[in-house]
């Protein structure tokens, strides 16, 4: 059995009782970074063995995990923060399990896109999650598609690329489109700035250095 277990995106209290129980009961925990996950596991006195599983080794590591699961072992997959498979490793191993006839269970839990959307005050009845935009190839095409999408758009972005992405959004959808940027969600310095794209851009341009992973929420096209 493979368990996909969400972990807190910041505040260590944002984990379910079930997730703590599963992490303590499985035979092995596959972590995006064993050092990062070690902080969470130590906090909840979980001593289950861990192994590294990330974007750079998944094609080599997945067969090893499949072998263990075929032998009857239960494996939990966690990322550094949030839900495995949502802009984090998880898809490749999950698909391989289904192809091998190995059961997969995904636990509900923390993810950054939901609190950013619900706290933004932008329409949430229809939305599209785009994750991280392409850095180069396909970026302009994707932005052009999003500019006419009537649904609320949710993007992830690294702090050092935030202004560039806001500039690209202003260019493609216009400076007056309503938007919100959430950063450091669930952490001590959590912040959500809302306004037009140009207003939000000006706000973060005043920062000496933007810190923390960011979620950008943009109102859909009229």
Protein backbone atom coordinates (compact mmCIF):
# COMPACT_ATOMS: atom_id res chain seq x y z
CA UNK A 1 0.00 0.00 0.00
CA UNK A 2 1.13 3.52 -0.82
CA UNK A 3 -0.12 6.33 1.40
CA UNK A 4 0.08 9.91 0.09
CA UNK A 5 0.28 11.97 3.27
CA UNK A 6 0.01 15.79 3.30
CA UNK A 7 2.29 17.61 5.71
CA UNK A 8 2.02 21.16 7.11
CA UNK A 9 2.99 24.04 4.83
CA UNK A 10 4.32 25.95 7.82
CA UNK A 11 2.53 25.59 11.13
CA UNK A 12 3.31 22.12 12.52
CA UNK A 13 -0.16 21.95 14.07
CA UNK A 14 -1.72 21.70 10.60
CA UNK A 15 -1.59 17.92 10.36
CA UNK A 16 -4.42 15.46 10.93
CA UNK A 17 -4.56 12.81 13.64
CA UNK A 18 -4.86 10.25 10.88
CA UNK A 19 -1.70 11.48 9.15
CA UNK A 20 0.30 11.20 12.39
CA UNK A 21 -1.04 7.68 12.95
CA UNK A 22 -0.26 6.53 9.41
CA UNK A 23 3.27 7.93 9.50
CA UNK A 24 3.85 6.05 12.72
CA UNK A 25 2.43 2.75 11.44
CA UNK A 26 3.92 2.39 7.94
CA UNK A 27 7.14 0.48 7.34
CA UNK A 28 8.90 3.31 5.49
CA UNK A 29 8.45 7.03 4.82
CA UNK A 30 9.71 8.37 1.48
CA UNK A 31 10.60 12.04 1.99
CA UNK A 32 11.40 14.80 -0.47
CA UNK A 33 14.13 15.85 1.98
CA UNK A 34 14.78 13.64 5.01
CA UNK A 35 16.29 16.54 6.97
CA UNK A 36 13.27 18.80 6.45
CA UNK A 37 10.82 16.01 7.22
CA UNK A 38 12.89 15.04 10.24
CA UNK A 39 11.79 18.21 12.02
CA UNK A 40 8.13 17.21 11.67
CA UNK A 41 8.71 13.56 12.54
CA UNK A 42 10.71 14.47 15.64
CA UNK A 43 8.00 16.89 16.72
CA UNK A 44 5.44 14.07 16.75
CA UNK A 45 7.85 11.39 18.08
CA UNK A 46 7.63 9.35 14.88
CA UNK A 47 10.61 7.02 14.49
CA UNK A 48 9.62 5.27 11.26
CA UNK A 49 12.62 4.74 8.92
CA UNK A 50 12.90 7.30 6.11
CA UNK A 51 14.41 7.40 2.64
CA UNK A 52 14.92 10.25 0.18
CA UNK A 53 12.54 10.43 -2.76
CA UNK A 54 12.61 13.56 -4.91
CA UNK A 55 12.55 14.87 -8.48
CA UNK A 56 16.19 13.94 -9.10
CA UNK A 57 16.06 10.29 -8.00
CA UNK A 58 12.45 9.19 -8.44
CA UNK A 59 13.04 7.04 -11.53
CA UNK A 60 15.77 5.13 -9.71
CA UNK A 61 14.08 5.05 -6.31
CA UNK A 62 10.53 4.20 -7.46
CA UNK A 63 11.40 0.58 -8.46
CA UNK A 64 12.94 0.02 -5.02
CA UNK A 65 9.79 1.29 -3.30
CA UNK A 66 7.60 -0.82 -5.59
CA UNK A 67 9.62 -3.91 -4.67
CA UNK A 68 9.01 -3.26 -0.99
CA UNK A 69 5.30 -2.70 -1.49
CA UNK A 70 4.94 -5.85 -3.58
CA UNK A 71 6.52 -7.69 -0.64
CA UNK A 72 3.71 -6.43 1.59
CA UNK A 73 5.31 -3.35 3.12
CA UNK A 74 3.37 -0.11 3.53
CA UNK A 75 5.07 3.08 2.33
CA UNK A 76 4.07 6.69 3.03
CA UNK A 77 5.12 9.43 0.63
CA UNK A 78 5.49 12.97 1.95
CA UNK A 79 6.88 16.18 0.49
CA UNK A 80 8.64 19.01 2.31
CA UNK A 81 5.27 20.74 2.69
CA UNK A 82 1.75 20.23 1.42
CA UNK A 83 0.21 17.37 -0.52
CA UNK A 84 2.43 14.98 -2.52
CA UNK A 85 1.80 15.31 -6.25
CA UNK A 86 0.68 18.96 -6.07
CA UNK A 87 3.74 20.74 -7.53
CA UNK A 88 5.81 18.16 -5.61
CA UNK A 89 6.98 14.59 -6.32
CA UNK A 90 4.21 12.00 -6.24
CA UNK A 91 2.65 11.57 -9.67
CA UNK A 92 5.29 9.18 -11.04
CA UNK A 93 5.20 6.77 -8.08
CA UNK A 94 1.41 6.90 -7.81
CA UNK A 95 0.97 6.00 -11.47
CA UNK A 96 3.53 3.20 -11.17
CA UNK A 97 1.60 1.74 -8.21
CA UNK A 98 -1.65 1.65 -10.15
CA UNK A 99 0.12 -0.01 -13.09
CA UNK A 100 1.51 -2.64 -10.70
CA UNK A 101 -1.84 -3.24 -9.01
CA UNK A 102 -0.67 -1.72 -5.71
CA UNK A 103 -3.35 0.12 -3.74
CA UNK A 104 -2.99 3.87 -3.24
CA UNK A 105 -4.67 5.94 -0.53
CA UNK A 106 -4.45 9.73 -0.49
CA UNK A 107 -5.09 11.44 2.83
CA UNK A 108 -6.71 14.91 2.81
CA UNK A 109 -4.76 17.72 4.33
CA UNK A 110 -2.64 20.82 3.96
CA UNK A 111 -2.05 22.56 0.65
CA UNK A 112 -1.25 26.20 -0.05
CA UNK A 113 -3.70 26.79 -2.90
CA UNK A 114 -6.92 26.35 -0.87
CA UNK A 115 -6.30 28.88 1.94
CA UNK A 116 -4.89 31.37 -0.56
CA UNK A 117 -8.02 31.11 -2.70
CA UNK A 118 -10.56 31.23 0.12
CA UNK A 119 -8.82 34.15 1.86
CA UNK A 120 -8.35 36.15 -1.34
CA UNK A 121 -11.97 37.25 -1.59
CA UNK A 122 -11.95 36.34 -5.28
CA UNK A 123 -14.57 34.04 -6.83
CA UNK A 124 -14.02 30.43 -5.76
CA UNK A 125 -16.95 28.70 -7.45
CA UNK A 126 -14.78 28.04 -10.52
CA UNK A 127 -10.99 28.16 -10.52
CA UNK A 128 -7.96 26.69 -12.29
CA UNK A 129 -4.72 25.72 -10.57
CA UNK A 130 -1.69 26.21 -12.80
CA UNK A 131 1.11 25.54 -10.31
CA UNK A 132 4.40 27.10 -11.42
CA UNK A 133 4.43 28.75 -14.84
CA UNK A 134 7.10 27.54 -17.28
CA UNK A 135 10.28 29.51 -16.77
CA UNK A 136 11.02 29.88 -20.48
CA UNK A 137 9.56 27.63 -23.18
CA UNK A 138 5.77 27.87 -23.30
CA UNK A 139 5.53 30.67 -20.74
CA UNK A 140 4.10 33.30 -23.08
CA UNK A 141 1.63 30.83 -24.58
CA UNK A 142 0.39 29.81 -21.15
CA UNK A 143 -0.01 33.42 -20.05
CA UNK A 144 -1.97 34.17 -23.22
CA UNK A 145 -4.33 31.29 -22.49
CA UNK A 146 -4.87 32.40 -18.91
CA UNK A 147 -5.62 35.97 -19.97
CA UNK A 148 -8.96 34.90 -21.46
CA UNK A 149 -9.89 32.21 -18.93
CA UNK A 150 -13.06 33.22 -17.03
CA UNK A 151 -12.10 31.16 -13.99
CA UNK A 152 -10.05 32.43 -11.06
CA UNK A 153 -6.41 31.50 -11.68
CA UNK A 154 -4.09 30.19 -8.96
CA UNK A 155 -0.31 30.15 -9.43
CA UNK A 156 2.63 29.16 -7.26
CA UNK A 157 5.78 31.27 -7.40
CA UNK A 158 9.16 31.50 -5.71
CA UNK A 159 9.77 34.81 -3.89
CA UNK A 160 12.70 35.82 -6.11
CA UNK A 161 10.53 35.44 -9.25
CA UNK A 162 7.39 37.10 -7.87
CA UNK A 163 7.88 40.53 -9.44
CA UNK A 164 8.75 39.06 -12.83
CA UNK A 165 5.59 36.97 -12.84
CA UNK A 166 3.44 39.90 -11.72
CA UNK A 167 4.97 41.96 -14.55
CA UNK A 168 4.10 39.20 -17.04
CA UNK A 169 0.55 38.99 -15.72
CA UNK A 170 0.14 42.76 -16.01
CA UNK A 171 1.36 42.59 -19.60
CA UNK A 172 -1.04 39.81 -20.58
CA UNK A 173 -4.18 40.38 -18.52
CA UNK A 174 -3.87 44.10 -17.76
CA UNK A 175 -2.88 46.13 -14.69
CA UNK A 176 -6.45 46.52 -13.38
CA UNK A 177 -7.32 42.83 -12.96
CA UNK A 178 -8.09 42.06 -9.31
CA UNK A 179 -5.56 39.78 -7.65
CA UNK A 180 -4.09 38.65 -4.35
CA UNK A 181 -0.69 37.38 -3.32
CA UNK A 182 -0.34 35.20 -0.24
CA UNK A 183 3.06 34.44 1.23
CA UNK A 184 4.32 32.59 4.31
CA UNK A 185 0.90 30.96 4.73
CA UNK A 186 0.27 29.51 8.23
CA UNK A 187 3.60 30.91 9.45
CA UNK A 188 4.41 33.75 11.85
CA UNK A 189 4.74 36.36 9.09
CA UNK A 190 1.78 35.23 7.00
CA UNK A 191 0.63 37.99 4.67
CA UNK A 192 -2.08 38.38 2.04
CA UNK A 193 -2.05 41.50 -0.13
CA UNK A 194 -5.07 42.18 -2.29
CA UNK A 195 -5.83 44.78 -5.00
CA UNK A 196 -5.30 45.27 -8.69
CA UNK A 197 -2.29 43.57 -10.22
CA UNK A 198 -0.50 46.90 -10.48
CA UNK A 199 -1.24 47.71 -6.82
CA UNK A 200 -0.05 44.32 -5.63
CA UNK A 201 3.07 44.62 -7.77
CA UNK A 202 3.87 48.05 -6.32
CA UNK A 203 3.40 46.73 -2.78
CA UNK A 204 5.92 43.92 -3.18
CA UNK A 205 8.32 46.08 -5.21
CA UNK A 206 8.82 48.14 -2.05
CA UNK A 207 10.23 45.11 -0.24
CA UNK A 208 14.00 44.97 0.09
CA UNK A 209 13.66 41.22 -0.38
CA UNK A 210 10.49 39.15 -0.68
CA UNK A 211 10.65 36.01 1.47
CA UNK A 212 8.58 32.86 1.59
CA UNK A 213 6.83 30.82 -1.07
CA UNK A 214 4.04 32.79 -2.78
CA UNK A 215 0.59 31.97 -4.10
CA UNK A 216 -0.84 34.33 -6.72
CA UNK A 217 -4.62 34.43 -7.19
CA UNK A 218 -5.99 36.34 -10.19
CA UNK A 219 -9.60 37.15 -11.04
CA UNK A 220 -10.84 35.49 -14.21
CA UNK A 221 -11.56 37.35 -17.42
CA UNK A 222 -14.93 39.07 -17.72
